[in-house]
Amino acid sequence: MPDRRAADVVRRAVDRAAEQVAAALPLVLTGDPLPDGDTPVHAARVACRRLRSALRAYRRLVDREWSDRMRAELRWLADLLGAARDAEVLRARLIRTAGTDLSDVDIAALDGALTLRWDTALRELTAALRSDRCRRLLDLVASGELPLRGRAARPAAKVMPALARRPWAKLAVAARDLRADDPDACWHRVRILTKRARYAMDAVAGEVPHARRLAKRLAQLQDHLGEQQDAVVAARTWEEISDVAPVTAGRLIERERAAARRSRARFPAVWLAAEHADVDHGGKAPTP
């Protein structure tokens, strides 16, 4: 549909993401397992992230005040979901990292500490989901309200490419400068920029040549950086709860730090694959 307006693209993407949020949040309260094996907390967190990312990707086309307010509320909820999700991930990672050669008693003690975190996070999340603030957010999400700016009336093919280039350029600068011994915060920043670039490419896939291909490569990069981040967070967490099993926690920390180093060593190759993906510059990624 080469003649469709940018507004049509924006509304379709935001409506789809809003529907996912409205469908996912009630499942957190029931706790029912999902057919695909995912957890309700993870599904709801992903849905909130997608809606926030869509609003960010289209921020030049949507009323700024309205978009900022919506994104702030979604972030509030996503942070609560994130605390519960982190506990889920860490409990599963504990078993995987421990393998079969560490003390079962110590692993149970560490899992108990994580369970306390999970219970606290879930309690706070449940209270938030039942609050008036969350009900107002859900009403806004379900309303279909989406105040657009004047430029959204322009043809999508003329508006969308610039929306994709900006986040890609920011990522390219940060990724090219990233080094294995950089602080954890630098690696986390590149992961965030990767998410933004990926969602931006997804958002413009119908109008920007090869955007789908780059979005796929960025998804692979995001997964890679996510594994590195999980190892960093796990090592930090084992240190925080090490008093319940100091020796075993120390061995877990060593394994997680080694996993993070291996992931960082592989990063240049994964980044190169994304950087060389065709975008809209004849097979060459846009230069920042």
C-alpha atoms as a PDB file:
ATOM      1  CA  MET A   1       0.000   0.000   0.000  1.00  0.00           C
ATOM      2  CA  PRO A   2       2.391   2.700  -1.195  1.00  0.00           C
ATOM      3  CA  ASP A   3      -0.189   5.488  -0.765  1.00  0.00           C
ATOM      4  CA  ARG A   4      -1.091   4.886   2.868  1.00  0.00           C
ATOM      5  CA  ARG A   5      -0.554   7.633   5.394  1.00  0.00           C
ATOM      6  CA  ALA A   6       1.871   7.482   8.277  1.00  0.00           C
ATOM      7  CA  ALA A   7      -1.140   7.817  10.581  1.00  0.00           C
ATOM      8  CA  ASP A   8      -2.515   4.494   9.328  1.00  0.00           C
ATOM      9  CA  VAL A   9       0.743   2.715  10.127  1.00  0.00           C
ATOM     10  CA  VAL A  10       1.023   4.284  13.565  1.00  0.00           C
ATOM     11  CA  ARG A  11      -2.547   3.549  14.569  1.00  0.00           C
ATOM     12  CA  ARG A  12      -2.365  -0.061  13.464  1.00  0.00           C
ATOM     13  CA  ALA A  13       0.887  -0.699  15.358  1.00  0.00           C
ATOM     14  CA  VAL A  14      -0.204   1.075  18.536  1.00  0.00           C
ATOM     15  CA  ASP A  15      -3.639  -0.578  18.525  1.00  0.00           C
ATOM     16  CA  ARG A  16      -2.053  -4.011  18.143  1.00  0.00           C
ATOM     17  CA  ALA A  17       0.366  -3.375  21.012  1.00  0.00           C
ATOM     18  CA  ALA A  18      -2.421  -1.963  23.199  1.00  0.00           C
ATOM     19  CA  GLU A  19      -4.520  -5.084  22.630  1.00  0.00           C
ATOM     20  CA  GLN A  20      -1.616  -7.222  23.834  1.00  0.00           C
ATOM     21  CA  VAL A  21      -1.317  -5.183  27.032  1.00  0.00           C
ATOM     22  CA  ALA A  22      -5.052  -5.397  27.728  1.00  0.00           C
ATOM     23  CA  ALA A  23      -5.005  -9.160  27.193  1.00  0.00           C
ATOM     24  CA  ALA A  24      -1.838  -9.893  29.175  1.00  0.00           C
ATOM     25  CA  LEU A  25      -2.278  -7.971  32.424  1.00  0.00           C
ATOM     26  CA  PRO A  26      -5.354  -9.837  33.770  1.00  0.00           C
ATOM     27  CA  LEU A  27      -3.481 -13.135  33.400  1.00  0.00           C
ATOM     28  CA  VAL A  28      -0.913 -11.997  35.962  1.00  0.00           C
ATOM     29  CA  LEU A  29      -3.651 -11.870  38.608  1.00  0.00           C
ATOM     30  CA  THR A  30      -5.014 -15.313  37.779  1.00  0.00           C
ATOM     31  CA  GLY A  31      -1.550 -16.847  37.449  1.00  0.00           C
ATOM     32  CA  ASP A  32      -2.792 -19.299  34.840  1.00  0.00           C
ATOM     33  CA  PRO A  33       0.000 -20.781  32.680  1.00  0.00           C
ATOM     34  CA  LEU A  34       0.005 -19.746  29.039  1.00  0.00           C
ATOM     35  CA  PRO A  35      -0.466 -22.273  26.214  1.00  0.00           C
ATOM     36  CA  ASP A  36       3.008 -21.569  24.821  1.00  0.00           C
ATOM     37  CA  GLY A  37       4.692 -22.204  28.161  1.00  0.00           C
ATOM     38  CA  ASP A  38       5.444 -18.536  28.828  1.00  0.00           C
ATOM     39  CA  THR A  39       4.711 -17.024  32.223  1.00  0.00           C
ATOM     40  CA  PRO A  40       1.989 -14.374  32.632  1.00  0.00           C
ATOM     41  CA  VAL A  41       4.520 -11.967  34.153  1.00  0.00           C
ATOM     42  CA  HIS A  42       6.861 -12.248  31.176  1.00  0.00           C
ATOM     43  CA  ALA A  43       4.039 -11.953  28.640  1.00  0.00           C
ATOM     44  CA  ALA A  44       2.710  -8.824  30.357  1.00  0.00           C
ATOM     45  CA  ARG A  45       6.169  -7.287  30.589  1.00  0.00           C
ATOM     46  CA  VAL A  46       6.807  -7.873  26.885  1.00  0.00           C
ATOM     47  CA  ALA A  47       3.408  -6.400  25.999  1.00  0.00           C
ATOM     48  CA  CYS A  48       4.091  -3.230  28.015  1.00  0.00           C
ATOM     49  CA  ARG A  49       7.529  -2.940  26.467  1.00  0.00           C
ATOM     50  CA  ARG A  50       6.136  -3.260  22.945  1.00  0.00           C
ATOM     51  CA  LEU A  51       3.580  -0.534  23.498  1.00  0.00           C
ATOM     52  CA  ARG A  52       6.180   1.779  25.048  1.00  0.00           C
ATOM     53  CA  SER A  53       8.557   1.028  22.177  1.00  0.00           C
ATOM     54  CA  ALA A  54       5.888   1.709  19.565  1.00  0.00           C
ATOM     55  CA  LEU A  55       5.125   5.074  21.150  1.00  0.00           C
ATOM     56  CA  ARG A  56       8.821   5.869  21.280  1.00  0.00           C
ATOM     57  CA  ALA A  57       9.404   4.840  17.663  1.00  0.00           C
ATOM     58  CA  TYR A  58       6.528   7.066  16.514  1.00  0.00           C
ATOM     59  CA  ARG A  59       7.132   9.882  19.004  1.00  0.00           C
ATOM     60  CA  ARG A  60       7.533  12.474  16.226  1.00  0.00           C
ATOM     61  CA  LEU A  61       4.070  11.607  14.948  1.00  0.00           C
ATOM     62  CA  VAL A  62       2.150  11.399  18.239  1.00  0.00           C
ATOM     63  CA  ASP A  63       1.222  14.247  20.569  1.00  0.00           C
ATOM     64  CA  ARG A  64       4.248  14.575  22.858  1.00  0.00           C
ATOM     65  CA  GLU A  65       2.452  15.313  26.130  1.00  0.00           C
ATOM     66  CA  TRP A  66       0.000  12.442  25.686  1.00  0.00           C
ATOM     67  CA  SER A  67       2.725  10.017  24.615  1.00  0.00           C
ATOM     68  CA  ASP A  68       5.036  10.944  27.499  1.00  0.00           C
ATOM     69  CA  ARG A  69       2.228  10.429  30.004  1.00  0.00           C
ATOM     70  CA  MET A  70       1.312   7.048  28.566  1.00  0.00           C
ATOM     71  CA  ARG A  71       4.922   5.907  28.399  1.00  0.00           C
ATOM     72  CA  ALA A  72       5.587   7.001  31.985  1.00  0.00           C
ATOM     73  CA  GLU A  73       2.653   4.941  33.256  1.00  0.00           C
ATOM     74  CA  LEU A  74       3.722   1.938  31.202  1.00  0.00           C
ATOM     75  CA  ARG A  75       7.231   2.251  32.598  1.00  0.00           C
ATOM     76  CA  TRP A  76       5.878   2.293  36.148  1.00  0.00           C
ATOM     77  CA  LEU A  77       4.058  -0.952  35.463  1.00  0.00           C
ATOM     78  CA  ALA A  78       6.936  -2.495  33.508  1.00  0.00           C
ATOM     79  CA  ASP A  79       9.318  -1.839  36.406  1.00  0.00           C
ATOM     80  CA  LEU A  80       7.051  -3.777  38.760  1.00  0.00           C
ATOM     81  CA  LEU A  81       6.714  -6.586  36.238  1.00  0.00           C
ATOM     82  CA  GLY A  82      10.480  -6.512  35.771  1.00  0.00           C
ATOM     83  CA  ALA A  83      11.194  -7.146  39.451  1.00  0.00           C
ATOM     84  CA  ALA A  84       8.987 -10.232  39.415  1.00  0.00           C
ATOM     85  CA  ARG A  85      10.377 -11.401  36.086  1.00  0.00           C
ATOM     86  CA  ASP A  86      13.966 -11.024  37.284  1.00  0.00           C
ATOM     87  CA  ALA A  87      13.219 -13.366  40.178  1.00  0.00           C
ATOM     88  CA  GLU A  88      11.706 -15.890  37.752  1.00  0.00           C
ATOM     89  CA  VAL A  89      14.747 -15.782  35.491  1.00  0.00           C
ATOM     90  CA  LEU A  90      17.218 -16.000  38.361  1.00  0.00           C
ATOM     91  CA  ARG A  91      15.552 -19.046  39.899  1.00  0.00           C
ATOM     92  CA  ALA A  92      15.766 -20.884  36.580  1.00  0.00           C
ATOM     93  CA  ARG A  93      19.322 -19.665  36.013  1.00  0.00           C
ATOM     94  CA  LEU A  94      20.404 -20.801  39.468  1.00  0.00           C
ATOM     95  CA  ILE A  95      19.593 -24.417  38.633  1.00  0.00           C
ATOM     96  CA  ARG A  96      21.210 -24.211  35.200  1.00  0.00           C
ATOM     97  CA  THR A  97      24.412 -22.564  36.409  1.00  0.00           C
ATOM     98  CA  ALA A  98      24.759 -24.836  39.421  1.00  0.00           C
ATOM     99  CA  GLY A  99      24.733 -27.979  37.291  1.00  0.00           C
ATOM    100  CA  THR A 100      25.256 -31.158  39.298  1.00  0.00           C
ATOM    101  CA  ASP A 101      28.508 -30.438  41.138  1.00  0.00           C
ATOM    102  CA  LEU A 102      27.380 -27.902  43.740  1.00  0.00           C
ATOM    103  CA  SER A 103      25.773 -28.533  47.110  1.00  0.00           C
ATOM    104  CA  ASP A 104      22.043 -29.249  46.863  1.00  0.00           C
ATOM    105  CA  VAL A 105      21.568 -27.828  50.353  1.00  0.00           C
ATOM    106  CA  ASP A 106      23.283 -24.573  49.395  1.00  0.00           C
ATOM    107  CA  ILE A 107      21.338 -24.298  46.142  1.00  0.00           C
ATOM    108  CA  ALA A 108      18.094 -24.770  48.073  1.00  0.00           C
ATOM    109  CA  ALA A 109      19.144 -22.002  50.471  1.00  0.00           C
ATOM    110  CA  LEU A 110      19.915 -19.628  47.606  1.00  0.00           C
ATOM    111  CA  ASP A 111      16.631 -20.531  45.919  1.00  0.00           C
ATOM    112  CA  GLY A 112      14.860 -19.763  49.165  1.00  0.00           C
ATOM    113  CA  ALA A 113      16.359 -16.277  49.171  1.00  0.00           C
ATOM    114  CA  LEU A 114      15.221 -15.777  45.578  1.00  0.00           C
ATOM    115  CA  THR A 115      11.746 -17.043  46.453  1.00  0.00           C
ATOM    116  CA  LEU A 116      11.459 -14.336  49.107  1.00  0.00           C
ATOM    117  CA  ARG A 117      12.301 -11.750  46.441  1.00  0.00           C
ATOM    118  CA  TRP A 118       9.734 -13.279  44.099  1.00  0.00           C
ATOM    119  CA  ASP A 119       7.015 -13.242  46.772  1.00  0.00           C
ATOM    120  CA  THR A 120       7.711  -9.591  47.613  1.00  0.00           C
ATOM    121  CA  ALA A 121       7.775  -8.534  43.966  1.00  0.00           C
ATOM    122  CA  LEU A 122       4.562 -10.412  43.184  1.00  0.00           C
ATOM    123  CA  ARG A 123       2.798  -8.907  46.183  1.00  0.00           C
ATOM    124  CA  GLU A 124       3.736  -5.385  45.091  1.00  0.00           C
ATOM    125  CA  LEU A 125       2.775  -6.150  41.489  1.00  0.00           C
ATOM    126  CA  THR A 126      -0.606  -7.568  42.492  1.00  0.00           C
ATOM    127  CA  ALA A 127      -1.369  -4.486  44.579  1.00  0.00           C
ATOM    128  CA  ALA A 128      -0.427  -2.262  41.645  1.00  0.00           C
ATOM    129  CA  LEU A 129      -2.610  -4.187  39.200  1.00  0.00           C
ATOM    130  CA  ARG A 130      -5.597  -3.759  41.519  1.00  0.00           C
ATOM    131  CA  SER A 131      -4.964  -0.049  42.068  1.00  0.00           C
ATOM    132  CA  ASP A 132      -6.952   2.856  40.661  1.00  0.00           C
ATOM    133  CA  ARG A 133      -3.801   3.982  38.875  1.00  0.00           C
ATOM    134  CA  CYS A 134      -3.601   0.744  36.918  1.00  0.00           C
ATOM    135  CA  ARG A 135      -7.320   0.795  36.152  1.00  0.00           C
ATOM    136  CA  ARG A 136      -6.950   4.289  34.714  1.00  0.00           C
ATOM    137  CA  LEU A 137      -4.033   3.098  32.613  1.00  0.00           C
ATOM    138  CA  LEU A 138      -6.001   0.134  31.287  1.00  0.00           C
ATOM    139  CA  ASP A 139      -8.952   2.394  30.493  1.00  0.00           C
ATOM    140  CA  LEU A 140      -6.631   4.661  28.523  1.00  0.00           C
ATOM    141  CA  VAL A 141      -5.070   1.708  26.705  1.00  0.00           C
ATOM    142  CA  ALA A 142      -8.485   0.293  25.827  1.00  0.00           C
ATOM    143  CA  SER A 143      -9.942   3.643  24.753  1.00  0.00           C
ATOM    144  CA  GLY A 144      -8.180   3.670  21.412  1.00  0.00           C
ATOM    145  CA  GLU A 145      -7.228   7.302  22.013  1.00  0.00           C
ATOM    146  CA  LEU A 146      -4.203   8.309  19.951  1.00  0.00           C
ATOM    147  CA  PRO A 147      -3.748  12.044  19.324  1.00  0.00           C
ATOM    148  CA  LEU A 148      -1.562  12.431  16.246  1.00  0.00           C
ATOM    149  CA  ARG A 149       0.488  15.372  15.045  1.00  0.00           C
ATOM    150  CA  GLY A 150       0.056  17.020  11.672  1.00  0.00           C
ATOM    151  CA  ARG A 151       2.969  15.269   9.989  1.00  0.00           C
ATOM    152  CA  ALA A 152       1.225  11.911  10.517  1.00  0.00           C
ATOM    153  CA  ALA A 153      -1.023  12.847   7.588  1.00  0.00           C
ATOM    154  CA  ARG A 154       1.943  12.605   5.214  1.00  0.00           C
ATOM    155  CA  PRO A 155       2.628   9.470   3.127  1.00  0.00           C
ATOM    156  CA  ALA A 156       4.178   6.713   5.207  1.00  0.00           C
ATOM    157  CA  ALA A 157       6.893   6.075   2.626  1.00  0.00           C
ATOM    158  CA  LYS A 158       8.198   9.618   3.113  1.00  0.00           C
ATOM    159  CA  VAL A 159       7.989   9.734   6.907  1.00  0.00           C
ATOM    160  CA  MET A 160       9.001   6.282   8.126  1.00  0.00           C
ATOM    161  CA  PRO A 161      12.625   5.937   6.913  1.00  0.00           C
ATOM    162  CA  ALA A 162      13.840   8.785   9.142  1.00  0.00           C
ATOM    163  CA  LEU A 163      12.188   7.162  12.161  1.00  0.00           C
ATOM    164  CA  ALA A 164      14.341   4.076  11.619  1.00  0.00           C
ATOM    165  CA  ARG A 165      17.617   5.818  10.839  1.00  0.00           C
ATOM    166  CA  ARG A 166      17.913   7.791  14.073  1.00  0.00           C
ATOM    167  CA  PRO A 167      17.881   4.886  16.564  1.00  0.00           C
ATOM    168  CA  TRP A 168      20.074   2.822  14.240  1.00  0.00           C
ATOM    169  CA  ALA A 169      22.665   5.614  14.069  1.00  0.00           C
ATOM    170  CA  LYS A 170      22.783   5.953  17.861  1.00  0.00           C
ATOM    171  CA  LEU A 171      23.279   2.211  18.229  1.00  0.00           C
ATOM    172  CA  ALA A 172      26.008   2.114  15.589  1.00  0.00           C
ATOM    173  CA  VAL A 173      28.068   4.785  17.350  1.00  0.00           C
ATOM    174  CA  ALA A 174      27.798   3.074  20.744  1.00  0.00           C
ATOM    175  CA  ALA A 175      28.380  -0.464  19.452  1.00  0.00           C
ATOM    176  CA  ARG A 176      31.453   0.424  17.421  1.00  0.00           C
ATOM    177  CA  ASP A 177      33.073   1.992  20.493  1.00  0.00           C
ATOM    178  CA  LEU A 178      32.181  -0.840  22.893  1.00  0.00           C
ATOM    179  CA  ARG A 179      35.085  -2.772  24.427  1.00  0.00           C
ATOM    180  CA  ALA A 180      35.123  -5.981  26.445  1.00  0.00           C
ATOM    181  CA  ASP A 181      36.497  -4.258  29.539  1.00  0.00           C
ATOM    182  CA  ASP A 182      33.997  -1.403  29.482  1.00  0.00           C
ATOM    183  CA  PRO A 183      31.829  -1.009  32.610  1.00  0.00           C
ATOM    184  CA  ASP A 184      28.614  -3.011  32.856  1.00  0.00           C
ATOM    185  CA  ALA A 185      26.641   0.216  32.399  1.00  0.00           C
ATOM    186  CA  CYS A 186      28.103   0.694  28.910  1.00  0.00           C
ATOM    187  CA  TRP A 187      27.044  -2.794  27.872  1.00  0.00           C
ATOM    188  CA  HIS A 188      23.594  -2.255  29.322  1.00  0.00           C
ATOM    189  CA  ARG A 189      23.291   1.001  27.374  1.00  0.00           C
ATOM    190  CA  VAL A 190      24.102  -0.748  24.089  1.00  0.00           C
ATOM    191  CA  ARG A 191      21.484  -3.373  24.899  1.00  0.00           C
ATOM    192  CA  ILE A 192      18.865  -0.658  25.402  1.00  0.00           C
ATOM    193  CA  LEU A 193      19.855   1.029  22.134  1.00  0.00           C
ATOM    194  CA  THR A 194      19.623  -2.335  20.374  1.00  0.00           C
ATOM    195  CA  LYS A 195      16.066  -2.786  21.610  1.00  0.00           C
ATOM    196  CA  ARG A 196      15.108   0.676  20.415  1.00  0.00           C
ATOM    197  CA  ALA A 197      16.663   0.147  16.998  1.00  0.00           C
ATOM    198  CA  ARG A 198      15.011  -3.237  16.638  1.00  0.00           C
ATOM    199  CA  TYR A 199      11.545  -1.965  17.520  1.00  0.00           C
ATOM    200  CA  ALA A 200      12.053   1.009  15.223  1.00  0.00           C
ATOM    201  CA  MET A 201      12.897  -1.312  12.327  1.00  0.00           C
ATOM    202  CA  ASP A 202       9.877  -3.467  13.121  1.00  0.00           C
ATOM    203  CA  ALA A 203       7.734  -0.333  13.129  1.00  0.00           C
ATOM    204  CA  VAL A 204       8.789   0.742   9.628  1.00  0.00           C
ATOM    205  CA  ALA A 205       9.152  -2.691   8.043  1.00  0.00           C
ATOM    206  CA  GLY A 206       6.399  -2.027   5.515  1.00  0.00           C
ATOM    207  CA  GLU A 207       7.968   1.179   4.222  1.00  0.00           C
ATOM    208  CA  VAL A 208      11.753   0.743   4.552  1.00  0.00           C
ATOM    209  CA  PRO A 209      13.489  -1.774   2.268  1.00  0.00           C
ATOM    210  CA  HIS A 210      15.267  -4.575   4.130  1.00  0.00           C
ATOM    211  CA  ALA A 211      14.076  -3.321   7.540  1.00  0.00           C
ATOM    212  CA  ARG A 212      12.710  -6.763   8.387  1.00  0.00           C
ATOM    213  CA  ARG A 213      16.077  -8.329   7.710  1.00  0.00           C
ATOM    214  CA  LEU A 214      17.857  -5.851   9.939  1.00  0.00           C
ATOM    215  CA  ALA A 215      15.215  -6.246  12.638  1.00  0.00           C
ATOM    216  CA  LYS A 216      15.914  -9.987  12.623  1.00  0.00           C
ATOM    217  CA  ARG A 217      19.660  -9.405  13.000  1.00  0.00           C
ATOM    218  CA  LEU A 218      19.001  -6.897  15.755  1.00  0.00           C
ATOM    219  CA  ALA A 219      16.844  -9.464  17.537  1.00  0.00           C
ATOM    220  CA  GLN A 220      19.821 -11.827  17.479  1.00  0.00           C
ATOM    221  CA  LEU A 221      22.048  -9.061  18.822  1.00  0.00           C
ATOM    222  CA  GLN A 222      19.503  -8.287  21.520  1.00  0.00           C
ATOM    223  CA  ASP A 223      19.398 -11.947  22.577  1.00  0.00           C
ATOM    224  CA  HIS A 224      23.186 -12.029  22.746  1.00  0.00           C
ATOM    225  CA  LEU A 225      23.372  -8.883  24.846  1.00  0.00           C
ATOM    226  CA  GLY A 226      20.515 -10.171  26.974  1.00  0.00           C
ATOM    227  CA  GLU A 227      22.481 -13.287  27.854  1.00  0.00           C
ATOM    228  CA  GLN A 228      25.467 -11.123  28.809  1.00  0.00           C
ATOM    229  CA  GLN A 229      23.209  -8.927  30.936  1.00  0.00           C
ATOM    230  CA  ASP A 230      21.612 -11.954  32.614  1.00  0.00           C
ATOM    231  CA  ALA A 231      25.068 -13.213  33.604  1.00  0.00           C
ATOM    232  CA  VAL A 232      26.031  -9.816  35.033  1.00  0.00           C
ATOM    233  CA  VAL A 233      22.781  -9.507  36.998  1.00  0.00           C
ATOM    234  CA  ALA A 234      23.058 -13.086  38.253  1.00  0.00           C
ATOM    235  CA  ALA A 235      26.620 -12.561  39.499  1.00  0.00           C
ATOM    236  CA  ARG A 236      25.509  -9.412  41.312  1.00  0.00           C
ATOM    237  CA  THR A 237      22.535 -11.224  42.831  1.00  0.00           C
ATOM    238  CA  TRP A 238      24.559 -14.209  44.056  1.00  0.00           C
ATOM    239  CA  GLU A 239      26.848 -11.716  45.768  1.00  0.00           C
ATOM    240  CA  GLU A 240      23.883  -9.960  47.405  1.00  0.00           C
ATOM    241  CA  ILE A 241      22.489 -13.201  48.872  1.00  0.00           C
ATOM    242  CA  SER A 242      25.819 -14.958  49.433  1.00  0.00           C
ATOM    243  CA  ASP A 243      25.461 -14.937  53.216  1.00  0.00           C
ATOM    244  CA  VAL A 244      23.132 -17.979  53.046  1.00  0.00           C
ATOM    245  CA  ALA A 245      25.750 -20.091  51.211  1.00  0.00           C
ATOM    246  CA  PRO A 246      29.063 -18.222  50.827  1.00  0.00           C
ATOM    247  CA  VAL A 247      31.182 -20.924  49.186  1.00  0.00           C
ATOM    248  CA  THR A 248      28.581 -22.015  46.645  1.00  0.00           C
ATOM    249  CA  ALA A 249      27.631 -18.413  45.893  1.00  0.00           C
ATOM    250  CA  GLY A 250      31.292 -17.663  45.227  1.00  0.00           C
ATOM    251  CA  ARG A 251      31.515 -20.474  42.694  1.00  0.00           C
ATOM    252  CA  LEU A 252      28.329 -19.314  41.012  1.00  0.00           C
ATOM    253  CA  ILE A 253      29.721 -15.786  40.779  1.00  0.00           C
ATOM    254  CA  GLU A 254      32.868 -17.107  39.084  1.00  0.00           C
ATOM    255  CA  ARG A 255      30.791 -19.025  36.531  1.00  0.00           C
ATOM    256  CA  GLU A 256      28.557 -16.078  35.739  1.00  0.00           C
ATOM    257  CA  ARG A 257      31.486 -13.706  35.313  1.00  0.00           C
ATOM    258  CA  ALA A 258      33.140 -16.208  32.985  1.00  0.00           C
ATOM    259  CA  ALA A 259      29.893 -16.452  30.996  1.00  0.00           C
ATOM    260  CA  ALA A 260      29.775 -12.659  30.690  1.00  0.00           C
ATOM    261  CA  ARG A 261      33.382 -12.564  29.453  1.00  0.00           C
ATOM    262  CA  ARG A 262      32.664 -15.220  26.813  1.00  0.00           C
ATOM    263  CA  SER A 263      29.610 -13.326  25.648  1.00  0.00           C
ATOM    264  CA  ARG A 264      31.549 -10.073  25.373  1.00  0.00           C
ATOM    265  CA  ALA A 265      34.294 -11.803  23.395  1.00  0.00           C
ATOM    266  CA  ARG A 266      31.715 -12.979  20.837  1.00  0.00           C
ATOM    267  CA  PHE A 267      30.013  -9.609  20.564  1.00  0.00           C
ATOM    268  CA  PRO A 268      32.068  -8.166  17.659  1.00  0.00           C
ATOM    269  CA  ALA A 269      31.022 -10.987  15.333  1.00  0.00           C
ATOM    270  CA  VAL A 270      27.343 -10.670  16.263  1.00  0.00           C
ATOM    271  CA  TRP A 271      27.476  -6.904  15.822  1.00  0.00           C
ATOM    272  CA  LEU A 272      29.201  -7.247  12.456  1.00  0.00           C
ATOM    273  CA  ALA A 273      26.352  -9.436  11.204  1.00  0.00           C
ATOM    274  CA  ALA A 274      23.842  -6.751  12.179  1.00  0.00           C
ATOM    275  CA  GLU A 275      25.927  -3.902  10.799  1.00  0.00           C
ATOM    276  CA  HIS A 276      26.269  -5.593   7.419  1.00  0.00           C
ATOM    277  CA  ALA A 277      22.570  -6.334   7.092  1.00  0.00           C
ATOM    278  CA  ASP A 278      20.945  -4.499   4.186  1.00  0.00           C
ATOM    279  CA  VAL A 279      18.895  -1.488   5.199  1.00  0.00           C
ATOM    280  CA  ASP A 280      18.087   1.156   2.622  1.00  0.00           C
ATOM    281  CA  HIS A 281      21.606   1.998   1.511  1.00  0.00           C
ATOM    282  CA  GLY A 282      22.362  -0.664  -1.078  1.00  0.00           C
ATOM    283  CA  GLY A 283      23.550  -3.297   1.377  1.00  0.00           C
ATOM    284  CA  LYS A 284      25.440  -0.913   3.654  1.00  0.00           C
ATOM    285  CA  ALA A 285      24.166   0.133   7.038  1.00  0.00           C
ATOM    286  CA  PRO A 286      23.530   3.873   7.391  1.00  0.00           C
ATOM    287  CA  THR A 287      26.449   5.921   8.627  1.00  0.00           C
ATOM    288  CA  PRO A 288      25.721   7.971  11.753  1.00  0.00           C
END
